[in-house]
Amino acid sequence: MSIKRRVFLFLFLFGKVSLLDNGLARKPPMGWMSWGYFMCGVDCETHPRKCLKQKLILSVADTFYNEGYQEAGFEYIIIDDCWSEKQRDRNGRLVPDKKRFPKGMKYIADYIHSRGLKFGMYTNVAEITCMHYPGSKGHFSTDAKMFADWGVDYIKVDGCFVGEAFLNKAYIKFGQHLNASGRPMVYSCSWPYYIEFIHHKTPDYKTISRHCNMWRNYHDVVTSWQAIKTIITHYKSAYDQLSGHHGPGQWNDMDMLIFGTGSLTDSQSRVHLAVYSMLAAPLLLSCDTSRITKYEKELLLNLELLAIAQDPLGIMGRPFELETSITLWVKSHLPRKGDKYHSVSFALINLEEHASSVTFTPGLYGLNSTDGYTVMDVFTREFIRNVTLNESILVTVPEEDVILYTLFPL
């Protein structure tokens, strides 16, 4: 290739094409990610049930394929930090841990793809990852091409150990190299989290949403109900800041679901999944899939609930404080009647340790069909009643629980 031709390609790839251009994540990604439960599970002899290794990843693929999760939309299987050797090879490429991933990442990707599923991996924009494995700084082009060669469909990029100015350049530059790799990969950024909580500045969501498919903007989830309550409370307070930059191809990421970890009661599990669904957040499990309870699986495979979570309009549900301890989350979505009257879901969330009763009038929250609406309980899948725009509904929400109704226009 001539020098003139190479210069033209460089200017085209890294000059004009400055935005993320992969056409992916038109709905919030659903799947499984290793970090929340397995974390940096490298001591496989002492902790064999929390070992991040090849057998674990393939078992998740088998579970999704055999137990109905794939049909419900769970498709991405993502390996987080601690997957590599501590040194790059002589050609500057990252090397999968030879004991835990003996057949390499291309083998795992091919296995996952053979099941009709998708494969995700992790890196960091610094020289090392958050757990001190080799990062991608100085190797953006090499790593983007390597991930493409391996058949990666989703890349989570962390932001530990670098300054604010570098973060604001690095995420854009790495996205350009992903575009240039020729393989579309969902681009998950931790960019705004580090800007806000490490560097104590206000994230530029207008720019972030133009360069990333999804982004972490709050602390890591841990396996506790208190952590879930804190996340929900944060996103309620941050709604005005976040909602305008959220939609198909660009999502606020509330972090992983903690089903299958023994951390939640059934009612707390309903709250966890209901709020994530109302916010159109990515739904990424992190657990030993064999420990998912029968009821948790029923929730995860509830297609009425997933229809709210995966609605093509991608609207981020809006919170309203009612006069009791109840927060009402409201979300418009499909199906529509006559391309004019949306269906609307109402999630009444009670995070307190006592039950609360409340009366609310759905017609005050954006309903517009003068013919009225039919009300369905999303968890029981039962018809409740029909209502007009002026009618009110009285509900009692048990402690740490949710009432979730979808109203369809008549």
Protein backbone atom coordinates (compact mmCIF):
# COMPACT_ATOMS: atom_id res chain seq x y z
CA MET A 1 0.00 0.00 0.00
CA SER A 2 1.38 3.42 -0.90
CA ILE A 3 2.18 6.06 1.71
CA LYS A 4 -0.51 8.31 0.23
CA ARG A 5 -3.09 5.52 0.56
CA ARG A 6 -2.11 4.81 4.20
CA VAL A 7 -2.39 8.50 5.10
CA PHE A 8 -5.85 8.63 3.51
CA LEU A 9 -7.04 5.63 5.50
CA PHE A 10 -5.69 7.06 8.76
CA LEU A 11 -7.46 10.37 8.20
CA PHE A 12 -10.67 8.59 7.26
CA LEU A 13 -10.68 6.24 10.23
CA PHE A 14 -9.48 8.66 12.90
CA GLY A 15 -10.52 12.01 11.45
CA LYS A 16 -13.99 11.92 9.98
CA VAL A 17 -15.25 8.81 11.77
CA SER A 18 -14.97 10.15 15.31
CA LEU A 19 -18.24 8.75 16.67
CA LEU A 20 -19.15 5.26 17.71
CA ASP A 21 -20.58 3.66 14.59
CA ASN A 22 -21.46 0.05 15.28
CA GLY A 23 -25.28 -0.11 15.10
CA LEU A 24 -25.35 -2.29 18.23
CA ALA A 25 -27.22 -2.33 21.55
CA ARG A 26 -30.46 -1.03 20.09
CA LYS A 27 -31.97 -2.62 23.20
CA PRO A 28 -30.24 -2.80 26.60
CA PRO A 29 -27.85 -5.78 26.54
CA MET A 30 -28.85 -8.87 28.52
CA GLY A 31 -26.57 -11.67 29.65
CA TRP A 32 -24.01 -12.62 32.29
CA MET A 33 -20.81 -11.00 33.57
CA SER A 34 -18.23 -12.57 35.86
CA TRP A 35 -17.20 -9.74 38.18
CA GLY A 36 -20.07 -9.21 40.65
CA TYR A 37 -19.93 -12.75 42.04
CA PHE A 38 -16.65 -14.34 40.88
CA MET A 39 -14.60 -11.13 40.97
CA CYS A 40 -10.86 -11.85 40.60
CA GLY A 41 -11.33 -15.59 41.10
CA VAL A 42 -7.80 -16.82 40.40
CA ASP A 43 -7.17 -19.00 43.49
CA CYS A 44 -8.91 -22.03 42.09
CA GLU A 45 -7.44 -24.54 44.54
CA THR A 46 -8.62 -22.72 47.66
CA HIS A 47 -11.91 -21.45 46.18
CA PRO A 48 -12.91 -23.86 43.39
CA ARG A 49 -16.54 -22.69 43.34
CA LYS A 50 -15.44 -19.11 42.72
CA CYS A 51 -12.87 -19.85 40.06
CA LEU A 52 -12.87 -17.70 36.92
CA LYS A 53 -11.96 -20.26 34.29
CA GLN A 54 -12.86 -21.77 30.93
CA LYS A 55 -15.22 -24.42 32.35
CA LEU A 56 -17.27 -21.74 34.13
CA ILE A 57 -17.74 -19.64 31.01
CA LEU A 58 -18.77 -22.62 28.89
CA SER A 59 -21.22 -23.72 31.60
CA VAL A 60 -22.98 -20.34 31.45
CA ALA A 61 -23.33 -20.74 27.69
CA ASP A 62 -24.85 -24.20 28.21
CA THR A 63 -27.27 -22.85 30.84
CA PHE A 64 -28.46 -20.02 28.60
CA TYR A 65 -28.84 -22.43 25.68
CA ASN A 66 -30.59 -25.26 27.53
CA GLU A 67 -32.77 -23.51 30.10
CA GLY A 68 -34.68 -20.87 28.15
CA TYR A 69 -32.57 -17.82 28.95
CA GLN A 70 -31.43 -17.38 25.36
CA GLU A 71 -35.01 -17.33 24.07
CA ALA A 72 -35.85 -14.66 26.66
CA GLY A 73 -33.02 -12.45 25.35
CA PHE A 74 -30.04 -13.26 27.56
CA GLU A 75 -27.22 -13.51 25.03
CA TYR A 76 -23.94 -11.89 26.15
CA ILE A 77 -21.44 -13.88 28.27
CA ILE A 78 -18.73 -11.52 29.48
CA ILE A 79 -15.40 -12.22 31.18
CA ASP A 80 -14.35 -9.35 33.44
CA ASP A 81 -10.90 -8.57 34.94
CA CYS A 82 -8.19 -11.15 35.83
CA TRP A 83 -8.42 -13.31 32.70
CA SER A 84 -4.89 -12.82 31.37
CA GLU A 85 -1.31 -13.68 32.18
CA LYS A 86 0.62 -10.94 33.98
CA GLN A 87 2.78 -10.18 30.91
CA ARG A 88 2.10 -9.62 27.23
CA ASP A 89 3.80 -11.91 24.71
CA ARG A 90 6.82 -10.98 22.60
CA ASN A 91 4.50 -9.50 19.96
CA GLY A 92 2.81 -7.22 22.48
CA ARG A 93 -0.43 -9.19 22.62
CA LEU A 94 -2.35 -10.10 25.75
CA VAL A 95 -2.22 -13.78 26.69
CA PRO A 96 -5.11 -15.64 28.39
CA ASP A 97 -4.13 -17.34 31.66
CA LYS A 98 -2.69 -20.66 30.50
CA LYS A 99 -4.04 -22.71 33.42
CA ARG A 100 -7.53 -21.26 33.69
CA PHE A 101 -8.12 -20.71 29.96
CA PRO A 102 -5.98 -23.43 28.36
CA LYS A 103 -7.64 -23.35 24.93
CA GLY A 104 -7.62 -19.56 24.63
CA MET A 105 -10.32 -17.00 24.00
CA LYS A 106 -10.94 -17.85 20.35
CA TYR A 107 -12.01 -21.34 21.43
CA ILE A 108 -14.39 -19.89 24.03
CA ALA A 109 -15.80 -17.39 21.53
CA ASP A 110 -16.38 -20.15 18.97
CA TYR A 111 -18.12 -22.31 21.57
CA ILE A 112 -20.39 -19.45 22.65
CA HIS A 113 -21.14 -18.53 19.04
CA SER A 114 -22.00 -22.16 18.27
CA ARG A 115 -24.81 -21.79 20.81
CA GLY A 116 -26.08 -18.66 19.04
CA LEU A 117 -24.82 -16.49 21.91
CA LYS A 118 -22.32 -13.62 22.11
CA PHE A 119 -18.97 -13.22 23.84
CA GLY A 120 -17.63 -10.29 25.85
CA MET A 121 -14.28 -9.38 27.44
CA TYR A 122 -12.64 -6.72 29.60
CA THR A 123 -9.73 -4.30 29.50
CA ASN A 124 -8.69 -0.99 31.06
CA VAL A 125 -7.46 2.23 29.43
CA ALA A 126 -4.48 2.37 31.83
CA GLU A 127 -1.25 0.39 31.66
CA ILE A 128 -2.73 -2.06 34.18
CA THR A 129 -6.27 -3.14 34.97
CA CYS A 130 -8.01 -2.41 38.25
CA MET A 131 -6.64 -5.74 39.58
CA HIS A 132 -3.14 -5.09 38.20
CA TYR A 133 -3.21 -7.24 35.08
CA PRO A 134 -1.93 -5.76 31.78
CA GLY A 135 -4.09 -2.89 30.54
CA SER A 136 -4.43 -1.40 27.07
CA LYS A 137 -2.63 1.95 27.36
CA GLY A 138 -0.10 2.10 24.54
CA HIS A 139 -1.75 -0.91 22.87
CA PHE A 140 -5.16 0.38 21.77
CA SER A 141 -4.75 -0.66 18.13
CA THR A 142 -3.20 -4.04 18.96
CA ASP A 143 -5.87 -4.89 21.53
CA ALA A 144 -8.82 -3.80 19.38
CA LYS A 145 -7.55 -5.98 16.53
CA MET A 146 -6.86 -8.86 18.94
CA PHE A 147 -10.38 -8.74 20.38
CA ALA A 148 -11.78 -8.68 16.84
CA ASP A 149 -9.61 -11.65 15.84
CA TRP A 150 -10.85 -13.60 18.85
CA GLY A 151 -14.50 -12.97 17.89
CA VAL A 152 -15.40 -10.66 20.77
CA ASP A 153 -18.87 -9.09 20.55
CA TYR A 154 -18.79 -6.86 23.64
CA ILE A 155 -15.93 -5.07 25.35
CA LYS A 156 -16.05 -3.59 28.85
CA VAL A 157 -13.41 -0.90 29.28
CA ASP A 158 -12.50 0.26 32.79
CA GLY A 159 -10.80 3.50 33.84
CA CYS A 160 -8.64 2.84 36.91
CA PHE A 161 -5.30 4.60 37.50
CA VAL A 162 -5.41 7.42 34.94
CA GLY A 163 -6.15 11.13 35.11
CA GLU A 164 -9.24 13.00 33.97
CA ALA A 165 -7.66 14.43 30.82
CA PHE A 166 -6.48 11.01 29.67
CA LEU A 167 -9.90 9.43 30.34
CA ASN A 168 -11.61 12.02 28.15
CA LYS A 169 -9.28 11.22 25.27
CA ALA A 170 -8.73 7.51 25.80
CA TYR A 171 -12.33 6.34 25.63
CA ILE A 172 -12.86 8.20 22.35
CA LYS A 173 -9.60 6.88 20.89
CA PHE A 174 -10.23 3.29 21.93
CA GLY A 175 -13.70 3.46 20.35
CA GLN A 176 -12.12 4.64 17.12
CA HIS A 177 -9.82 1.64 17.13
CA LEU A 178 -12.80 -0.65 17.75
CA ASN A 179 -14.49 0.88 14.70
CA ALA A 180 -11.32 0.39 12.69
CA SER A 181 -11.07 -3.29 13.67
CA GLY A 182 -13.89 -4.16 11.29
CA ARG A 183 -15.80 -6.16 13.92
CA PRO A 184 -18.81 -4.51 15.60
CA MET A 185 -18.45 -4.77 19.39
CA VAL A 186 -20.74 -3.33 22.04
CA TYR A 187 -18.63 -0.66 23.76
CA SER A 188 -19.22 -0.51 27.52
CA CYS A 189 -17.43 2.41 29.19
CA SER A 190 -16.80 3.23 32.84
CA TRP A 191 -15.93 6.78 31.81
CA PRO A 192 -18.54 8.82 33.75
CA TYR A 193 -18.03 6.86 36.96
CA TYR A 194 -14.36 7.83 37.17
CA ILE A 195 -15.02 11.43 36.17
CA GLU A 196 -17.65 11.90 38.88
CA PHE A 197 -16.54 9.71 41.77
CA ILE A 198 -12.75 9.59 41.39
CA HIS A 199 -11.96 12.96 39.78
CA HIS A 200 -14.97 14.79 41.27
CA LYS A 201 -16.06 16.52 38.08
CA THR A 202 -19.36 16.54 36.20
CA PRO A 203 -19.45 13.97 33.38
CA ASP A 204 -20.10 15.27 29.87
CA TYR A 205 -22.91 12.88 29.00
CA LYS A 206 -23.50 14.51 25.63
CA THR A 207 -20.02 13.44 24.57
CA ILE A 208 -20.06 10.11 26.38
CA SER A 209 -23.33 9.07 24.74
CA ARG A 210 -21.88 9.81 21.31
CA HIS A 211 -18.91 7.49 21.85
CA CYS A 212 -20.16 4.59 24.00
CA ASN A 213 -23.04 2.11 23.79
CA MET A 214 -23.41 2.01 27.57
CA TRP A 215 -21.65 3.45 30.57
CA ARG A 216 -21.27 2.83 34.28
CA ASN A 217 -22.03 5.93 36.31
CA TYR A 218 -22.25 4.68 39.89
CA HIS A 219 -20.40 2.42 42.34
CA ASP A 220 -20.01 -1.33 41.84
CA VAL A 221 -22.89 -3.45 43.01
CA VAL A 222 -22.16 -5.92 45.81
CA THR A 223 -24.23 -8.90 46.85
CA SER A 224 -26.50 -7.20 49.38
CA TRP A 225 -29.98 -5.67 49.51
CA GLN A 226 -28.49 -2.46 50.89
CA ALA A 227 -26.39 -2.08 47.75
CA ILE A 228 -29.47 -2.45 45.56
CA LYS A 229 -31.37 0.15 47.60
CA THR A 230 -28.46 2.58 47.29
CA ILE A 231 -28.30 2.12 43.51
CA ILE A 232 -32.06 2.66 43.13
CA THR A 233 -31.93 5.80 45.29
CA HIS A 234 -29.02 7.18 43.26
CA TYR A 235 -30.75 6.74 39.91
CA LYS A 236 -33.92 8.29 41.28
CA SER A 237 -31.99 11.42 42.27
CA ALA A 238 -29.97 11.46 39.03
CA TYR A 239 -32.94 11.04 36.67
CA ASP A 240 -32.86 14.61 35.30
CA GLN A 241 -29.12 14.40 34.62
CA LEU A 242 -29.20 11.00 32.93
CA SER A 243 -32.50 10.53 31.10
CA GLY A 244 -31.78 12.85 28.17
CA HIS A 245 -28.78 10.81 27.06
CA HIS A 246 -30.43 7.40 27.24
CA GLY A 247 -32.04 5.39 24.45
CA PRO A 248 -31.40 2.88 21.67
CA GLY A 249 -27.65 2.35 21.30
CA GLN A 250 -26.75 4.32 24.45
CA TRP A 251 -27.66 3.15 27.95
CA ASN A 252 -27.06 4.06 31.58
CA ASP A 253 -25.68 0.91 33.21
CA MET A 254 -26.83 0.25 36.79
CA ASP A 255 -24.38 -2.66 37.07
CA MET A 256 -25.12 -6.34 37.49
CA LEU A 257 -28.11 -8.29 38.79
CA ILE A 258 -27.33 -10.22 41.98
CA PHE A 259 -29.84 -13.03 41.48
CA GLY A 260 -28.44 -16.47 42.24
CA THR A 261 -26.28 -15.26 45.13
CA GLY A 262 -28.64 -15.87 48.06
CA SER A 263 -28.63 -12.14 48.83
CA LEU A 264 -32.28 -11.22 48.31
CA THR A 265 -35.73 -12.25 49.45
CA ASP A 266 -38.36 -12.88 46.79
CA SER A 267 -39.85 -9.41 47.28
CA GLN A 268 -36.44 -7.74 47.12
CA SER A 269 -35.76 -9.66 43.90
CA ARG A 270 -38.96 -8.23 42.45
CA VAL A 271 -37.86 -4.70 43.33
CA HIS A 272 -34.37 -5.26 41.90
CA LEU A 273 -35.58 -6.48 38.52
CA ALA A 274 -38.60 -4.16 38.31
CA VAL A 275 -36.59 -0.97 38.74
CA TYR A 276 -33.89 -2.10 36.31
CA SER A 277 -36.62 -2.91 33.79
CA MET A 278 -38.41 0.41 34.26
CA LEU A 279 -35.10 2.23 33.73
CA ALA A 280 -34.32 0.23 30.55
CA ALA A 281 -31.01 -0.79 32.14
CA PRO A 282 -28.80 -3.63 30.86
CA LEU A 283 -29.71 -6.91 32.57
CA LEU A 284 -26.45 -8.74 33.26
CA LEU A 285 -26.48 -11.56 35.78
CA SER A 286 -23.42 -12.29 37.90
CA CYS A 287 -23.67 -15.58 39.76
CA ASP A 288 -23.22 -19.31 39.73
CA THR A 289 -26.15 -20.02 37.42
CA SER A 290 -26.81 -23.34 39.18
CA ARG A 291 -27.79 -21.33 42.28
CA ILE A 292 -30.55 -19.31 40.62
CA THR A 293 -33.71 -20.20 42.54
CA LYS A 294 -36.91 -21.38 40.93
CA TYR A 295 -38.60 -18.07 41.71
CA GLU A 296 -35.66 -15.98 40.48
CA LYS A 297 -35.72 -17.91 37.21
CA GLU A 298 -39.46 -17.30 36.92
CA LEU A 299 -38.82 -13.56 37.26
CA LEU A 300 -35.96 -13.59 34.77
CA LEU A 301 -38.08 -15.41 32.20
CA ASN A 302 -41.23 -13.30 32.75
CA LEU A 303 -41.78 -12.09 29.20
CA GLU A 304 -44.24 -9.38 30.24
CA LEU A 305 -41.59 -7.90 32.50
CA LEU A 306 -38.87 -8.29 29.88
CA ALA A 307 -41.10 -6.56 27.33
CA ILE A 308 -40.90 -3.47 29.55
CA ALA A 309 -37.14 -3.85 29.99
CA GLN A 310 -36.46 -4.47 26.30
CA ASP A 311 -38.99 -2.10 24.76
CA PRO A 312 -37.62 -0.76 21.44
CA LEU A 313 -38.39 2.86 22.39
CA GLY A 314 -35.83 2.60 25.19
CA ILE A 315 -37.45 5.21 27.44
CA MET A 316 -35.93 5.61 30.89
CA GLY A 317 -38.76 5.41 33.45
CA ARG A 318 -39.44 8.59 35.45
CA PRO A 319 -39.73 8.60 39.26
CA PHE A 320 -42.42 10.46 41.22
CA GLU A 321 -42.52 10.72 45.01
CA LEU A 322 -45.99 9.97 46.34
CA GLU A 323 -47.30 11.19 49.68
CA THR A 324 -46.28 8.02 51.50
CA SER A 325 -42.92 6.24 51.33
CA ILE A 326 -43.79 4.98 47.85
CA THR A 327 -41.89 5.98 44.71
CA LEU A 328 -43.93 5.68 41.52
CA TRP A 329 -41.89 4.92 38.41
CA VAL A 330 -43.70 5.59 35.11
CA LYS A 331 -42.61 4.33 31.70
CA SER A 332 -44.31 4.65 28.30
CA HIS A 333 -43.66 1.85 25.83
CA LEU A 334 -45.07 -0.30 23.05
CA PRO A 335 -47.56 -1.56 22.01
CA ARG A 336 -49.36 1.55 20.79
CA LYS A 337 -52.96 1.88 19.72
CA GLY A 338 -53.17 3.61 16.35
CA ASP A 339 -49.60 4.87 16.62
CA LYS A 340 -50.89 7.44 19.10
CA TYR A 341 -51.74 5.89 22.45
CA HIS A 342 -48.84 4.25 24.25
CA SER A 343 -49.01 1.50 26.79
CA VAL A 344 -47.70 2.70 30.14
CA SER A 345 -46.23 0.75 33.08
CA PHE A 346 -46.43 1.89 36.70
CA ALA A 347 -44.04 0.48 39.31
CA LEU A 348 -44.89 1.40 42.89
CA ILE A 349 -41.70 0.80 44.88
CA ASN A 350 -41.53 0.51 48.66
CA LEU A 351 -37.97 0.35 50.03
CA GLU A 352 -39.10 0.69 53.64
CA GLU A 353 -39.48 -2.05 56.27
CA HIS A 354 -43.22 -1.50 56.64
CA ALA A 355 -46.16 -1.74 54.24
CA SER A 356 -47.71 1.41 52.78
CA SER A 357 -51.04 2.09 51.10
CA VAL A 358 -51.43 4.71 48.44
CA THR A 359 -53.96 5.92 45.91
CA PHE A 360 -52.73 7.07 42.53
CA THR A 361 -54.48 8.28 39.38
CA PRO A 362 -52.75 6.87 36.28
CA GLY A 363 -54.36 9.54 34.08
CA LEU A 364 -52.16 12.18 35.70
CA TYR A 365 -49.01 10.57 34.28
CA GLY A 366 -49.22 10.90 30.52
CA LEU A 367 -52.13 8.65 29.59
CA ASN A 368 -54.19 10.02 26.71
CA SER A 369 -56.64 7.37 25.46
CA THR A 370 -60.14 8.61 26.19
CA ASP A 371 -61.43 5.05 25.71
CA GLY A 372 -59.58 4.03 28.87
CA TYR A 373 -57.08 1.32 29.68
CA THR A 374 -57.00 -2.27 30.81
CA VAL A 375 -54.75 -3.00 33.78
CA MET A 376 -52.50 -6.09 34.03
CA ASP A 377 -50.43 -7.17 37.04
CA VAL A 378 -47.03 -7.89 35.45
CA PHE A 379 -45.87 -10.41 38.08
CA THR A 380 -49.03 -12.50 38.21
CA ARG A 381 -49.95 -11.83 34.55
CA GLU A 382 -53.54 -11.34 35.69
CA PHE A 383 -56.15 -8.82 34.52
CA ILE A 384 -57.01 -6.36 37.29
CA ARG A 385 -59.69 -4.03 35.89
CA ASN A 386 -60.36 -1.38 33.27
CA VAL A 387 -59.89 2.28 34.18
CA THR A 388 -60.73 5.65 32.66
CA LEU A 389 -58.37 8.62 32.66
CA ASN A 390 -59.99 10.03 35.81
CA GLU A 391 -60.16 6.88 37.90
CA SER A 392 -57.79 6.16 40.78
CA ILE A 393 -56.30 2.90 41.97
CA LEU A 394 -55.71 2.02 45.62
CA VAL A 395 -52.82 -0.33 46.35
CA THR A 396 -51.01 -1.58 49.42
CA VAL A 397 -47.34 -2.21 48.76
CA PRO A 398 -45.78 -4.67 51.25
CA GLU A 399 -42.45 -3.93 52.89
CA GLU A 400 -39.48 -3.94 50.50
CA ASP A 401 -41.68 -4.85 47.57
CA VAL A 402 -43.23 -3.54 44.38
CA ILE A 403 -46.61 -3.46 42.66
CA LEU A 404 -46.09 -3.39 38.89
CA TYR A 405 -49.00 -2.73 36.53
CA THR A 406 -49.03 -2.28 32.77
CA LEU A 407 -51.93 -0.32 31.31
CA PHE A 408 -52.85 -1.07 27.70
CA PRO A 409 -55.06 1.41 25.77
CA LEU A 410 -58.55 0.14 24.94
